PDB file of N, CA and C in Angstrom:
ATOM      1  N   MET A   1      18.152 102.424  87.179  1.00  0.00           N
ATOM      2  CA  MET A   1      19.734 102.549  87.282  1.00  0.00           C
ATOM      3  C   MET A   1      20.576 101.546  86.172  1.00  0.00           C
ATOM      4  N   GLY A   2      19.715 100.331  86.260  1.00  0.00           N
ATOM      5  CA  GLY A   2      20.233  99.355  85.575  1.00  0.00           C
ATOM      6  C   GLY A   2      20.496  99.780  84.031  1.00  0.00           C
ATOM      7  N   TYR A   3      19.190 100.280  83.542  1.00  0.00           N
ATOM      8  CA  TYR A   3      18.912 100.936  82.105  1.00  0.00           C
ATOM      9  C   TYR A   3      20.017 102.114  81.557  1.00  0.00           C
ATOM     10  N   VAL A   4      20.250 102.834  82.800  1.00  0.00           N
ATOM     11  CA  VAL A   4      21.280 103.862  82.379  1.00  0.00           C
ATOM     12  C   VAL A   4      22.339 103.476  81.943  1.00  0.00           C
ATOM     13  N   LEU A   5      22.833 102.304  83.055  1.00  0.00           N
ATOM     14  CA  LEU A   5      24.148 101.803  82.730  1.00  0.00           C
ATOM     15  C   LEU A   5      24.240 100.909  81.407  1.00  0.00           C
ATOM     16  N   LEU A   6      23.237 100.419  81.314  1.00  0.00           N
ATOM     17  CA  LEU A   6      23.157  99.711  79.632  1.00  0.00           C
ATOM     18  C   LEU A   6      23.058 100.648  78.668  1.00  0.00           C
ATOM     19  N   PHE A   7      22.419 101.826  79.034  1.00  0.00           N
ATOM     20  CA  PHE A   7      22.882 102.795  77.944  1.00  0.00           C
ATOM     21  C   PHE A   7      24.051 103.307  77.678  1.00  0.00           C
ATOM     22  N   LEU A   8      24.655 103.701  78.665  1.00  0.00           N
ATOM     23  CA  LEU A   8      25.936 103.979  78.443  1.00  0.00           C
ATOM     24  C   LEU A   8      26.987 103.029  78.067  1.00  0.00           C
ATOM     25  N   VAL A   9      26.778 101.978  78.341  1.00  0.00           N
ATOM     26  CA  VAL A   9      28.015 100.855  78.017  1.00  0.00           C
ATOM     27  C   VAL A   9      27.449 100.955  76.693  1.00  0.00           C
ATOM     28  N   GLY A  10      26.297 100.864  76.294  1.00  0.00           N
ATOM     29  CA  GLY A  10      25.935 100.665  74.578  1.00  0.00           C
ATOM     30  C   GLY A  10      26.627 101.703  73.896  1.00  0.00           C
ATOM     31  N   PHE A  11      26.409 103.110  74.556  1.00  0.00           N
ATOM     32  CA  PHE A  11      26.934 104.255  73.648  1.00  0.00           C
ATOM     33  C   PHE A  11      28.281 104.176  73.597  1.00  0.00           C
ATOM     34  N   GLY A  12      29.135 103.781  74.760  1.00  0.00           N
ATOM     35  CA  GLY A  12      30.621 103.669  74.666  1.00  0.00           C
ATOM     36  C   GLY A  12      30.800 102.605  73.542  1.00  0.00           C
ATOM     37  N   LEU A  13      30.464 101.575  73.706  1.00  0.00           N
ATOM     38  CA  LEU A  13      30.566 100.599  72.502  1.00  0.00           C
ATOM     39  C   LEU A  13      30.179 100.991  71.070  1.00  0.00           C
ATOM     40  N   ALA A  14      29.344 101.775  70.740  1.00  0.00           N
ATOM     41  CA  ALA A  14      29.052 102.177  69.668  1.00  0.00           C
ATOM     42  C   ALA A  14      29.969 103.420  69.207  1.00  0.00           C
ATOM     43  N   VAL A  15      30.281 104.281  70.130  1.00  0.00           N
ATOM     44  CA  VAL A  15      31.321 105.176  69.514  1.00  0.00           C
ATOM     45  C   VAL A  15      32.573 104.765  69.389  1.00  0.00           C
ATOM     46  N   SER A  16      33.071 103.377  70.288  1.00  0.00           N
ATOM     47  CA  SER A  16      34.570 102.898  69.968  1.00  0.00           C
ATOM     48  C   SER A  16      34.198 102.270  68.544  1.00  0.00           C
ATOM     49  N   GLY A  17      33.221 101.673  68.219  1.00  0.00           N
ATOM     50  CA  GLY A  17      33.119 100.828  67.147  1.00  0.00           C
ATOM     51  C   GLY A  17      32.836 101.871  65.888  1.00  0.00           C
ATOM     52  N   GLY A  18      32.331 102.858  65.876  1.00  0.00           N
ATOM     53  CA  GLY A  18      32.042 104.028  64.832  1.00  0.00           C
ATOM     54  C   GLY A  18      33.509 104.562  64.623  1.00  0.00           C
ATOM     55  N   VAL A  19      34.429 105.012  65.647  1.00  0.00           N
ATOM     56  CA  VAL A  19      35.568 105.545  65.147  1.00  0.00           C
ATOM     57  C   VAL A  19      36.647 104.564  64.829  1.00  0.00           C
ATOM     58  N   THR A  20      36.467 103.263  64.977  1.00  0.00           N
ATOM     59  CA  THR A  20      37.039 102.207  64.574  1.00  0.00           C
ATOM     60  C   THR A  20      36.999 102.170  62.953  1.00  0.00           C
ATOM     61  N   PHE A  21      35.554 102.135  62.596  1.00  0.00           N
ATOM     62  CA  PHE A  21      35.133 102.310  61.051  1.00  0.00           C
ATOM     63  C   PHE A  21      36.075 103.450  60.353  1.00  0.00           C
ATOM     64  N   ILE A  22      35.642 104.659  61.035  1.00  0.00           N
ATOM     65  CA  ILE A  22      36.521 105.778  60.244  1.00  0.00           C
ATOM     66  C   ILE A  22      37.788 105.814  60.397  1.00  0.00           C
ATOM     67  N   LEU A  23      38.536 105.350  61.391  1.00  0.00           N
ATOM     68  CA  LEU A  23      39.885 105.025  61.399  1.00  0.00           C
ATOM     69  C   LEU A  23      40.307 104.087  60.228  1.00  0.00           C
ATOM     70  N   TYR A  24      39.712 103.178  59.802  1.00  0.00           N
ATOM     71  CA  TYR A  24      40.185 101.933  58.865  1.00  0.00           C
ATOM     72  C   TYR A  24      39.573 102.542  57.406  1.00  0.00           C
ATOM     73  N   LEU A  25      39.015 103.490  57.414  1.00  0.00           N
ATOM     74  CA  LEU A  25      38.566 104.086  56.055  1.00  0.00           C
ATOM     75  C   LEU A  25      40.006 105.003  55.677  1.00  0.00           C
ATOM     76  N   ASN A  26      41.084 105.235  56.378  1.00  0.00           N
ATOM     77  CA  ASN A  26      42.238 105.633  56.172  1.00  0.00           C
ATOM     78  C   ASN A  26      42.801 104.549  55.042  1.00  0.00           C
ATOM     79  N   PHE A  27      42.572 103.315  54.912  1.00  0.00           N
ATOM     80  CA  PHE A  27      43.037 102.443  54.023  1.00  0.00           C
ATOM     81  C   PHE A  27      42.779 102.979  52.620  1.00  0.00           C
ATOM     82  N   ILE A  28      41.701 103.334  52.450  1.00  0.00           N
ATOM     83  CA  ILE A  28      40.874 103.516  50.999  1.00  0.00           C
ATOM     84  C   ILE A  28      41.876 104.301  50.285  1.00  0.00           C
ATOM     85  N   PRO A  29      42.531 105.724  50.735  1.00  0.00           N
ATOM     86  CA  PRO A  29      43.516 106.542  49.755  1.00  0.00           C
ATOM     87  C   PRO A  29      44.686 105.876  49.712  1.00  0.00           C
ATOM     88  N   ALA A  30      45.157 104.704  50.301  1.00  0.00           N
ATOM     89  CA  ALA A  30      46.286 103.999  50.215  1.00  0.00           C
ATOM     90  C   ALA A  30      46.225 102.931  49.413  1.00  0.00           C
ATOM     91  N   GLY A  31      45.128 102.653  48.550  1.00  0.00           N
ATOM     92  CA  GLY A  31      44.905 101.785  47.520  1.00  0.00           C
ATOM     93  C   GLY A  31      43.972 100.646  47.701  1.00  0.00           C
ATOM     94  N   VAL A  32      43.500 100.571  48.731  1.00  0.00           N
ATOM     95  CA  VAL A  32      42.552  99.467  48.975  1.00  0.00           C
ATOM     96  C   VAL A  32      41.097  99.585  48.586  1.00  0.00           C
ATOM     97  N   SER A  33      40.580  98.746  48.012  1.00  0.00           N
ATOM     98  CA  SER A  33      39.317  98.645  47.328  1.00  0.00           C
ATOM     99  C   SER A  33      38.189  98.714  48.405  1.00  0.00           C
ATOM    100  N   TRP A  34      36.981  99.073  47.931  1.00  0.00           N
ATOM    101  CA  TRP A  34      35.871  99.055  48.839  1.00  0.00           C
ATOM    102  C   TRP A  34      35.524  97.978  49.365  1.00  0.00           C
ATOM    103  N   ILE A  35      35.872  96.562  48.544  1.00  0.00           N
ATOM    104  CA  ILE A  35      35.443  95.543  48.618  1.00  0.00           C
ATOM    105  C   ILE A  35      36.493  94.533  49.798  1.00  0.00           C
ATOM    106  N   ASP A  36      37.710  95.114  49.524  1.00  0.00           N
ATOM    107  CA  ASP A  36      38.670  94.601  50.547  1.00  0.00           C
ATOM    108  C   ASP A  36      38.686  95.186  51.675  1.00  0.00           C
ATOM    109  N   TYR A  37      38.124  96.563  51.752  1.00  0.00           N
ATOM    110  CA  TYR A  37      37.838  97.400  52.944  1.00  0.00           C
ATOM    111  C   TYR A  37      36.818  96.350  53.788  1.00  0.00           C
ATOM    112  N   PHE A  38      35.533  96.021  53.355  1.00  0.00           N
ATOM    113  CA  PHE A  38      34.590  95.484  53.921  1.00  0.00           C
ATOM    114  C   PHE A  38      35.109  94.154  54.454  1.00  0.00           C
ATOM    115  N   LEU A  39      35.763  93.322  53.471  1.00  0.00           N
ATOM    116  CA  LEU A  39      36.343  92.242  54.045  1.00  0.00           C
ATOM    117  C   LEU A  39      37.545  92.365  55.120  1.00  0.00           C
ATOM    118  N   PHE A  40      37.998  93.427  55.283  1.00  0.00           N
ATOM    119  CA  PHE A  40      39.064  93.729  56.480  1.00  0.00           C
ATOM    120  C   PHE A  40      38.207  93.811  57.742  1.00  0.00           C
ATOM    121  N   ILE A  41      37.419  94.714  57.610  1.00  0.00           N
ATOM    122  CA  ILE A  41      36.536  95.174  58.929  1.00  0.00           C
ATOM    123  C   ILE A  41      35.674  94.068  59.418  1.00  0.00           C
ATOM    124  N   GLN A  42      35.315  93.140  58.223  1.00  0.00           N
ATOM    125  CA  GLN A  42      34.462  91.911  58.980  1.00  0.00           C
ATOM    126  C   GLN A  42      35.144  91.003  59.786  1.00  0.00           C
ATOM    127  N   GLY A  43      36.636  90.903  59.573  1.00  0.00           N
ATOM    128  CA  GLY A  43      37.441  90.165  60.591  1.00  0.00           C
ATOM    129  C   GLY A  43      37.828  90.766  61.909  1.00  0.00           C
ATOM    130  N   ARG A  44      37.777  91.877  62.160  1.00  0.00           N
ATOM    131  CA  ARG A  44      38.166  92.733  63.165  1.00  0.00           C
ATOM    132  C   ARG A  44      36.929  92.849  64.088  1.00  0.00           C
ATOM    133  N   LEU A  45      37.345  92.429  65.208  1.00  0.00           N
ATOM    134  CA  LEU A  45      36.386  92.212  66.372  1.00  0.00           C
ATOM    135  C   LEU A  45      36.083  93.576  66.903  1.00  0.00           C
ATOM    136  N   GLU A  46      36.817  94.602  67.011  1.00  0.00           N
ATOM    137  CA  GLU A  46      36.509  95.998  67.267  1.00  0.00           C
ATOM    138  C   GLU A  46      35.566  96.781  66.494  1.00  0.00           C
ATOM    139  N   CYS A  47      35.190  96.030  65.376  1.00  0.00           N
ATOM    140  CA  CYS A  47      34.053  96.752  64.320  1.00  0.00           C
ATOM    141  C   CYS A  47      32.899  96.188  64.569  1.00  0.00           C
ATOM    142  N   TYR A  48      32.707  95.176  65.420  1.00  0.00           N
ATOM    143  CA  TYR A  48      31.320  94.832  65.925  1.00  0.00           C
ATOM    144  C   TYR A  48      31.041  95.257  67.219  1.00  0.00           C
ATOM    145  N   PHE A  49      31.767  95.969  67.602  1.00  0.00           N
ATOM    146  CA  PHE A  49      31.446  96.967  68.923  1.00  0.00           C
ATOM    147  C   PHE A  49      30.226  97.888  68.344  1.00  0.00           C
ATOM    148  N   LEU A  50      30.177  98.617  67.213  1.00  0.00           N
ATOM    149  CA  LEU A  50      28.963  99.621  66.724  1.00  0.00           C
ATOM    150  C   LEU A  50      27.721  98.838  66.896  1.00  0.00           C
ATOM    151  N   PRO A  51      27.534  97.652  65.884  1.00  0.00           N
ATOM    152  CA  PRO A  51      26.221  96.986  66.270  1.00  0.00           C
ATOM    153  C   PRO A  51      25.692  96.625  67.426  1.00  0.00           C
ATOM    154  N   LEU A  52      26.846  96.261  68.040  1.00  0.00           N
ATOM    155  CA  LEU A  52      26.473  95.422  69.484  1.00  0.00           C
ATOM    156  C   LEU A  52      25.898  96.833  70.613  1.00  0.00           C
ATOM    157  N   GLY A  53      26.876  97.876  70.118  1.00  0.00           N
ATOM    158  CA  GLY A  53      26.215  99.137  71.363  1.00  0.00           C
ATOM    159  C   GLY A  53      25.123  99.554  70.658  1.00  0.00           C
ATOM    160  N   LEU A  54      24.783  99.630  69.515  1.00  0.00           N
ATOM    161  CA  LEU A  54      23.431 100.063  69.131  1.00  0.00           C
ATOM    162  C   LEU A  54      22.277  99.164  69.648  1.00  0.00           C
ATOM    163  N   LEU A  55      22.537  97.846  69.460  1.00  0.00           N
ATOM    164  CA  LEU A  55      21.765  96.929  70.003  1.00  0.00           C
ATOM    165  C   LEU A  55      21.315  97.237  71.566  1.00  0.00           C
ATOM    166  N   LEU A  56      22.466  97.495  72.420  1.00  0.00           N
ATOM    167  CA  LEU A  56      22.359  97.925  73.663  1.00  0.00           C
ATOM    168  C   LEU A  56      21.508  99.262  74.017  1.00  0.00           C
ATOM    169  N   ILE A  57      21.760 100.065  73.289  1.00  0.00           N
ATOM    170  CA  ILE A  57      21.052 101.268  73.397  1.00  0.00           C
ATOM    171  C   ILE A  57      19.460 101.120  73.070  1.00  0.00           C
ATOM    172  N   ILE A  58      19.276 100.509  72.059  1.00  0.00           N
ATOM    173  CA  ILE A  58      17.679 100.184  71.703  1.00  0.00           C
ATOM    174  C   ILE A  58      17.101  99.172  72.760  1.00  0.00           C
ATOM    175  N   ILE A  59      17.861  98.486  73.266  1.00  0.00           N
ATOM    176  CA  ILE A  59      17.096  97.613  74.356  1.00  0.00           C
ATOM    177  C   ILE A  59      17.204  98.655  75.636  1.00  0.00           C
ATOM    178  N   ALA A  60      17.893  99.298  75.905  1.00  0.00           N
ATOM    179  CA  ALA A  60      17.862 100.119  77.059  1.00  0.00           C
ATOM    180  C   ALA A  60      16.576 101.166  76.921  1.00  0.00           C
ATOM    181  N   ILE A  61      16.765 101.726  75.683  1.00  0.00           N
ATOM    182  CA  ILE A  61      15.512 102.856  75.295  1.00  0.00           C
ATOM    183  C   ILE A  61      14.326 102.033  75.565  1.00  0.00           C
ATOM    184  N   TYR A  62      13.917 100.936  74.822  1.00  0.00           N
ATOM    185  CA  TYR A  62      12.682 100.454  74.575  1.00  0.00           C
ATOM    186  C   TYR A  62      12.220  99.700  76.106  1.00  0.00           C
ATOM    187  N   LYS A  63      13.243  98.931  76.861  1.00  0.00           N
ATOM    188  CA  LYS A  63      12.931  98.431  78.329  1.00  0.00           C
ATOM    189  C   LYS A  63      12.653  99.419  79.327  1.00  0.00           C
ATOM    190  N   TYR A  64      13.147 100.535  79.234  1.00  0.00           N
ATOM    191  CA  TYR A  64      13.119 101.643  80.149  1.00  0.00           C
ATOM    192  C   TYR A  64      11.519 101.812  80.908  1.00  0.00           C
ATOM    193  N   PRO A  65      11.604 101.547  82.086  1.00  0.00           N
ATOM    194  CA  PRO A  65       9.979 101.714  82.630  1.00  0.00           C
ATOM    195  C   PRO A  65       9.476 103.073  82.817  1.00  0.00           C
ATOM    196  N   GLY A  66      10.224 103.784  82.390  1.00  0.00           N
ATOM    197  CA  GLY A  66       9.678 105.314  82.696  1.00  0.00           C
ATOM    198  C   GLY A  66       9.237 106.108  81.346  1.00  0.00           C
TER     199      GLY A  66
END
C-alpha cells in the first residue's frame, strides 16, 4: 500500500510541475526569450515538482515487490 501511495504522490507532483511548465510557456509569446524562460523556471519552486514526481514514480515502480 505504501508504494501505491508513493506512486500517487509522485504522479500528483509530476502533473503539477508539468502544468506549471506549460503555464509559464505563455511568457514566450509575450516577448521573453527561451534563455530567459529557462532562467525564470530555474528559480521557481513549483517547477521542481516535475522531476521530483518522476523520481518518486520511478522509485515506486522499481521497489514494488509484486
